[in-house]
Every structure is written in C-alpha cells, then in structure tokens.
Amino acid sequence: MKLINMYSPAGNRLGILTERGVIDVASQARDDAAPVTVMQALHMGLDRALPLLRKIEASAAAFLPEAEIVYAPAVDDPEKIFCIGVNYRSHIEETVGSFTPAEAPTVFAKFRNSLAPHRGVVLRNRTETRHDYEAEIAVVIGRRCAYVSPEEALDYVFGYTLANDISARTLQKVTTQWVPGKTCDTFCPLGPCIVTADALPYQSMHLTGYKNGELRQEGWSTDMLHDIPALVSYLSNCCTLEPGDVILTGTPAGVILGRPPEQQDWLQPGDVLDVCEDTIGTLTVTVRDA
C-alpha cells in the first residue's frame, strides 16, 4: 500500500495512492478508529493501521486526481531524522578512495526544518556555493523500539520512502561534524509516499537519482555496507526509536562531490532533482535561491 501526506486547509491528511487516484482517508472512513493523518497511522503501527486502511481502500467511492494533490513531506513530524554516511561501497570509492569501513555506521542528523515535500522546492543556503544532491532510501519507524536485534528489526519498520540528502559541502567540510552542512532549511525532501513494509522487500530496492533529467546515481540496496535491519538495530541500541522516526540509509555513487573538479556542476536555481525507486516512485524537487 502507498500512503501519502497531503496538505489541506484543516491540516495535513492521510491519502491512499491507487491506480484510480488518491483516496482521502478522512472523507471515506466509516470506522472512528481509522487513522486520518500519517502520524496517526505511524503511531498505530502497521499491524493495526493496515487492516483498517485496506477496508477503506476496498470500499472507496471517490478518488482525487493525483496531479491535483499538494503533497506534504511523507512524514511531517518526526521526532528524529537519522542519516547514514558512506554506506554504499560505490559512494565510498568515489569520495573517500581507500577506506576501511568501521564496524559501526557513520551517523549524523537532520532536523524538522529541513523537511520538504514532493513537488516542493529546495532553497540554497545563502552562505554556500557548493550545493549537492544525494538520492536515498528512507526507513520509517512504526513501533517504539529499543535494544532490538537485526533479526527483530524489521518488525518495527512501518515502511519506506525516498529522500534527497541535500548537502552544503563547504559547511559540511569545515569541521569533522557534518550537521551544519546537512540540516539547512529544506535540505531533506521526503516522499512522494510511504510504501508499507509488507509491499517492498528491503533487499530488492533499485535507487536512481537524476539532475535535470540526466541519470547521475544508480545503486541497489544490496550495495549497502550496513543493511536496513542492521541500521535499525544499531540506532535502537543508541536511543529509543519512536513511531515516525526516519532513517536515511545512504547514497550510491554519482554525487557532484565525487566528480572531477572541472565537472563539479553545483546546484543552481532552476535545477530539477528526481530520486526514483521502482516501487516507491519518484520524489521531485526544484532548486531555488533562499
């Protein structure tokens, strides 16, 4: 099932994306227990929310044209946004070269100010000239968890969405701490939808990234050094994960930073960025000046 978060004057609402269009769950629900926002669905967890949403999908009588939907970030109120660095072997080779992977993942964070929606804009930071893209798969947590093993980890995953880890490379590289260059306003586009975990095996994701229609990045989830169960387990041993927490799982080769200096075409106003996965769909944003 594909769930979307859409803007409405009364607040963000939960939608189900189908081949016939979008079901506005709030307008179609006949059960008071049904979630009507993305955050409500996440707090219910996949086991409780999915049967209710399937009933609504099966009985829906009205559909909104997807082209008319105004998207909100796929998760609009996460408590935590974790990001994993240098997690694809191909990306390590292009940006680091000789590198001995640590036993633990490289972790940094973004904050809620960085969220942006599908069909939204990314605002260039006014102090930065080297803006970059990073196509990523994002994990959405659906149950509170702490100290879980990799074997248990998938029981706590609600689903998957797409992210673009927009990066201000000068700010990122000023110190060994990456956060200043990673969590600028709108630097975490998230969407277009959440595909529930039952519909997308984590081992078979095919990820691509485009700049102005040109293929720049391509990778498979099998290329991750630390796979999704390992990441969820590791982070749950650092702190308690809550429903709605998001984990960006790293990016494959093809970022601007990894290109030869004469080919580093840093992001400019008007650039269009697409992140694609075969099942999840396409997350599209346009670059603008702040």
Protein backbone atom coordinates (compact mmCIF):
# COMPACT_ATOMS: atom_id res chain seq x y z
CA MET A 1 0.00 0.00 0.00
CA LYS A 2 1.13 3.54 -0.81
CA LEU A 3 0.29 6.23 1.74
CA ILE A 4 0.71 9.93 1.07
CA ASN A 5 0.65 13.01 3.26
CA MET A 6 -1.28 15.85 1.63
CA TYR A 7 -1.88 19.46 2.58
CA SER A 8 -5.38 20.65 3.39
CA PRO A 9 -6.67 23.88 4.99
CA ALA A 10 -7.67 21.86 8.06
CA GLY A 11 -4.23 20.29 8.44
CA ASN A 12 -2.30 17.54 6.72
CA ARG A 13 -4.36 14.47 5.82
CA LEU A 14 -3.65 10.87 5.02
CA GLY A 15 -4.23 9.62 1.49
CA ILE A 16 -4.01 6.22 -0.15
CA LEU A 17 -2.44 6.33 -3.60
CA THR A 18 -4.10 3.90 -6.02
CA GLU A 19 -4.22 3.38 -9.77
CA ARG A 20 -7.63 5.13 -9.80
CA GLY A 21 -6.40 8.18 -7.89
CA VAL A 22 -5.98 9.25 -4.28
CA ILE A 23 -8.38 8.25 -1.53
CA ASP A 24 -8.84 10.94 1.12
CA VAL A 25 -9.00 8.66 4.14
CA ALA A 26 -10.76 11.18 6.38
CA SER A 27 -13.64 11.58 3.93
CA GLN A 28 -14.02 7.86 3.25
CA ALA A 29 -13.51 6.36 6.72
CA ARG A 30 -16.54 4.70 8.30
CA ASP A 31 -14.65 3.50 11.35
CA ASP A 32 -13.78 6.03 14.04
CA ALA A 33 -10.66 4.01 14.79
CA ALA A 34 -9.21 4.58 11.32
CA PRO A 35 -6.17 6.87 11.15
CA VAL A 36 -6.77 10.08 9.20
CA THR A 37 -3.22 11.50 9.33
CA VAL A 38 0.13 9.93 8.55
CA MET A 39 1.33 10.39 12.12
CA GLN A 40 -1.78 8.64 13.46
CA ALA A 41 -1.11 5.69 11.16
CA LEU A 42 2.53 5.55 12.25
CA HIS A 43 1.62 5.62 15.93
CA MET A 44 -0.91 2.83 15.38
CA GLY A 45 1.75 0.70 13.73
CA LEU A 46 1.50 -1.35 10.58
CA ASP A 47 -0.31 -4.30 12.18
CA ARG A 48 -3.21 -2.14 13.40
CA ALA A 49 -3.37 0.52 10.70
CA LEU A 50 -3.08 -1.65 7.60
CA PRO A 51 -6.31 -3.69 8.03
CA LEU A 52 -8.33 -0.51 8.59
CA LEU A 53 -6.79 1.21 5.58
CA ARG A 54 -7.35 -1.83 3.39
CA LYS A 55 -11.06 -1.73 4.23
CA ILE A 56 -11.20 1.93 3.26
CA GLU A 57 -9.36 1.24 0.00
CA ALA A 58 -11.71 -1.63 -0.87
CA SER A 59 -14.87 0.41 -0.28
CA ALA A 60 -13.76 3.82 -1.57
CA ALA A 61 -16.32 5.58 -3.72
CA ALA A 62 -14.41 8.76 -4.58
CA PHE A 63 -10.89 9.42 -5.84
CA LEU A 64 -8.92 12.65 -6.14
CA PRO A 65 -6.72 13.17 -9.23
CA GLU A 66 -3.12 12.64 -8.13
CA ALA A 67 -1.98 15.57 -10.27
CA GLU A 68 -4.07 17.93 -8.15
CA ILE A 69 -2.71 16.78 -4.79
CA VAL A 70 -0.49 19.20 -2.89
CA TYR A 71 1.99 16.95 -1.16
CA ALA A 72 3.35 17.41 2.35
CA PRO A 73 6.58 15.70 3.44
CA ALA A 74 5.88 11.98 3.64
CA VAL A 75 6.46 12.20 7.40
CA ASP A 76 5.80 15.71 8.65
CA ASP A 77 6.50 15.46 12.37
CA PRO A 78 9.35 13.04 13.06
CA GLU A 79 10.96 13.19 16.45
CA LYS A 80 14.30 12.15 14.95
CA ILE A 81 15.82 12.14 11.46
CA PHE A 82 18.93 9.94 11.36
CA CYS A 83 21.24 9.91 8.36
CA ILE A 84 23.84 7.30 7.48
CA GLY A 85 27.02 8.41 5.72
CA VAL A 86 29.33 6.45 3.40
CA ASN A 87 27.08 3.39 3.41
CA TYR A 88 27.28 2.40 -0.27
CA ARG A 89 30.53 0.86 -1.46
CA SER A 90 30.35 2.77 -4.75
CA HIS A 91 29.98 6.12 -2.94
CA ILE A 92 32.93 5.35 -0.68
CA GLU A 93 35.11 4.66 -3.71
CA GLU A 94 34.24 7.97 -5.42
CA THR A 95 34.51 10.29 -2.39
CA VAL A 96 36.95 8.65 0.03
CA GLY A 97 39.04 6.23 -2.00
CA SER A 98 41.00 3.96 0.30
CA PHE A 99 38.70 3.37 3.23
CA THR A 100 38.38 0.70 5.87
CA PRO A 101 34.73 0.56 6.94
CA ALA A 102 34.12 0.82 10.66
CA GLU A 103 32.09 -1.84 12.41
CA ALA A 104 29.53 0.85 13.30
CA PRO A 105 27.67 3.05 10.79
CA THR A 106 28.56 6.72 10.33
CA VAL A 107 25.61 8.65 11.77
CA PHE A 108 24.59 12.30 11.59
CA ALA A 109 21.25 14.08 11.87
CA LYS A 110 18.84 16.40 10.16
CA PHE A 111 16.03 18.32 11.89
CA ARG A 112 12.41 19.06 11.04
CA ASN A 113 13.27 22.45 9.50
CA SER A 114 15.00 20.52 6.72
CA LEU A 115 11.84 18.72 5.55
CA ALA A 116 10.42 19.48 2.11
CA PRO A 117 7.66 17.76 0.09
CA HIS A 118 7.45 16.08 -3.28
CA ARG A 119 6.97 18.77 -5.96
CA GLY A 120 8.38 21.28 -3.48
CA VAL A 121 11.49 23.43 -3.51
CA VAL A 122 14.99 23.19 -2.11
CA LEU A 123 16.36 26.56 -1.02
CA ARG A 124 20.07 27.13 -1.49
CA ASN A 125 21.80 28.29 1.68
CA ARG A 126 22.89 31.91 1.26
CA THR A 127 26.37 31.29 2.72
CA GLU A 128 27.12 28.32 0.48
CA THR A 129 28.21 27.89 -3.15
CA ARG A 130 28.64 24.10 -3.32
CA HIS A 131 25.20 22.52 -3.04
CA ASP A 132 24.93 18.80 -3.80
CA TYR A 133 22.29 16.08 -4.09
CA GLU A 134 22.20 12.56 -2.57
CA ALA A 135 19.46 10.12 -3.59
CA GLU A 136 18.47 7.88 -0.68
CA ILE A 137 16.03 5.26 0.59
CA ALA A 138 14.46 6.28 3.90
CA VAL A 139 13.12 3.93 6.55
CA VAL A 140 10.04 4.98 8.54
CA ILE A 141 9.72 3.52 12.04
CA GLY A 142 6.25 2.32 13.08
CA ARG A 143 6.74 0.97 16.60
CA ARG A 144 8.71 2.15 19.62
CA CYS A 145 11.84 0.05 19.91
CA ALA A 146 14.99 -0.15 21.96
CA TYR A 147 17.80 -2.70 22.01
CA VAL A 148 16.39 -4.78 19.18
CA SER A 149 18.47 -7.32 17.29
CA PRO A 150 18.89 -7.25 13.50
CA GLU A 151 16.64 -10.32 13.35
CA GLU A 152 13.86 -8.39 15.12
CA ALA A 153 14.41 -5.03 13.46
CA LEU A 154 12.00 -5.32 10.54
CA ASP A 155 9.12 -5.87 12.95
CA TYR A 156 9.46 -2.18 13.85
CA VAL A 157 9.57 -0.78 10.31
CA PHE A 158 6.33 0.75 9.04
CA GLY A 159 7.55 1.35 5.51
CA TYR A 160 9.89 3.09 3.12
CA THR A 161 10.02 6.41 1.32
CA LEU A 162 12.55 8.42 -0.68
CA ALA A 163 14.79 11.26 0.45
CA ASN A 164 17.27 13.65 -1.09
CA ASP A 165 20.07 14.41 1.35
CA ILE A 166 20.82 17.89 0.05
CA SER A 167 24.27 18.91 1.23
CA ALA A 168 26.15 22.20 1.56
CA ARG A 169 29.63 20.81 1.01
CA THR A 170 31.64 23.77 2.33
CA LEU A 171 29.63 23.93 5.55
CA GLN A 172 29.82 20.16 5.82
CA LYS A 173 33.61 20.06 5.49
CA VAL A 174 34.54 22.98 7.77
CA THR A 175 34.84 20.55 10.69
CA THR A 176 34.55 16.81 11.21
CA GLN A 177 30.91 17.34 12.24
CA TRP A 178 28.65 17.18 9.18
CA VAL A 179 25.41 18.53 10.63
CA PRO A 180 25.87 22.24 9.68
CA GLY A 181 26.00 21.33 6.00
CA LYS A 182 23.22 18.79 6.16
CA THR A 183 20.29 20.31 8.04
CA CYS A 184 19.78 23.68 6.37
CA ASP A 185 16.17 24.63 5.62
CA THR A 186 14.52 22.31 3.03
CA PHE A 187 17.58 20.03 2.83
CA CYS A 188 15.53 16.86 3.44
CA PRO A 189 12.88 16.37 0.75
CA LEU A 190 10.85 13.31 1.74
CA GLY A 191 8.27 11.49 -0.40
CA PRO A 192 6.32 11.07 -2.55
CA CYS A 193 4.68 8.31 -0.50
CA ILE A 194 5.34 5.70 2.15
CA VAL A 195 5.23 2.17 0.76
CA THR A 196 4.26 -0.15 3.58
CA ALA A 197 6.89 -2.70 4.55
CA ASP A 198 4.75 -5.66 3.51
CA ALA A 199 4.84 -4.43 -0.10
CA LEU A 200 8.58 -3.81 -0.57
CA PRO A 201 11.37 -6.23 0.43
CA TYR A 202 14.32 -4.23 1.72
CA GLN A 203 16.81 -6.42 -0.18
CA SER A 204 15.49 -5.59 -3.66
CA MET A 205 15.40 -1.79 -3.86
CA HIS A 206 16.72 -0.16 -7.04
CA LEU A 207 17.60 3.51 -6.49
CA THR A 208 18.35 6.19 -9.10
CA GLY A 209 18.97 9.92 -8.98
CA TYR A 210 18.62 12.48 -11.78
CA LYS A 211 19.71 16.08 -12.25
CA ASN A 212 17.70 17.89 -14.93
CA GLY A 213 16.72 14.55 -16.44
CA GLU A 214 20.28 13.21 -16.60
CA LEU A 215 20.94 9.96 -14.74
CA ARG A 216 23.59 10.72 -12.11
CA GLN A 217 23.19 7.98 -9.50
CA GLU A 218 22.23 4.33 -9.54
CA GLY A 219 22.50 1.71 -6.83
CA TRP A 220 20.89 -1.29 -5.22
CA SER A 221 20.18 -1.82 -1.54
CA THR A 222 22.42 -4.88 -1.68
CA ASP A 223 25.38 -2.47 -2.02
CA MET A 224 24.86 -1.09 1.50
CA LEU A 225 27.66 -1.84 3.94
CA HIS A 226 25.14 -1.81 6.79
CA ASP A 227 21.75 -3.08 5.64
CA ILE A 228 18.41 -1.83 6.94
CA PRO A 229 17.97 -4.38 9.75
CA ALA A 230 21.50 -3.63 10.95
CA LEU A 231 20.84 0.14 10.90
CA VAL A 232 17.57 -0.11 12.83
CA SER A 233 19.20 -2.40 15.37
CA TYR A 234 22.26 -0.20 15.81
CA LEU A 235 20.27 3.01 16.26
CA SER A 236 17.86 1.32 18.67
CA ASN A 237 20.86 0.48 20.81
CA CYS A 238 21.84 4.16 20.85
CA CYS A 239 18.42 5.53 21.77
CA THR A 240 14.77 4.55 21.75
CA LEU A 241 13.24 4.84 18.29
CA GLU A 242 9.73 6.27 18.12
CA PRO A 243 6.95 5.93 15.53
CA GLY A 244 7.63 8.45 12.78
CA ASP A 245 11.39 8.47 13.22
CA VAL A 246 13.12 8.45 9.83
CA ILE A 247 16.43 6.85 8.84
CA LEU A 248 18.14 7.94 5.62
CA THR A 249 20.22 4.94 4.62
CA GLY A 250 22.99 6.43 2.49
CA THR A 251 23.58 7.24 -1.16
CA PRO A 252 25.22 5.45 -4.11
CA ALA A 253 27.94 6.86 -6.35
CA GLY A 254 27.31 9.84 -8.59
CA VAL A 255 27.21 12.87 -6.31
CA ILE A 256 28.72 16.14 -7.52
CA LEU A 257 31.43 15.98 -4.85
CA GLY A 258 32.69 12.75 -6.40
CA ARG A 259 33.15 14.22 -9.89
CA PRO A 260 36.44 15.65 -11.18
CA PRO A 261 36.80 19.34 -10.20
CA GLU A 262 36.19 20.56 -13.75
CA GLN A 263 32.86 18.63 -13.82
CA GLN A 264 31.52 19.73 -10.44
CA ASP A 265 28.35 21.47 -11.57
CA TRP A 266 26.99 22.51 -8.17
CA LEU A 267 23.24 23.01 -7.88
CA GLN A 268 21.82 26.20 -9.37
CA PRO A 269 18.39 27.85 -9.25
CA GLY A 270 16.02 26.06 -11.61
CA ASP A 271 17.72 22.66 -11.37
CA VAL A 272 15.23 19.80 -11.08
CA LEU A 273 16.19 16.78 -8.97
CA ASP A 274 14.50 13.38 -9.12
CA VAL A 275 15.00 10.44 -6.78
CA CYS A 276 13.43 7.21 -8.02
CA GLU A 277 12.81 3.70 -6.76
CA ASP A 278 10.95 1.14 -8.81
CA THR A 279 8.14 0.57 -6.29
CA ILE A 280 8.06 3.82 -4.31
CA GLY A 281 8.00 6.10 -7.35
CA THR A 282 9.68 9.46 -7.90
CA LEU A 283 10.47 12.30 -5.49
CA THR A 284 10.89 15.58 -7.42
CA VAL A 285 12.08 18.97 -6.17
CA THR A 286 13.24 22.19 -7.81
CA VAL A 287 16.18 24.25 -6.58
CA ARG A 288 15.60 27.91 -5.73
CA ASP A 289 17.54 30.71 -4.04
CA ALA A 290 16.54 31.42 -0.45
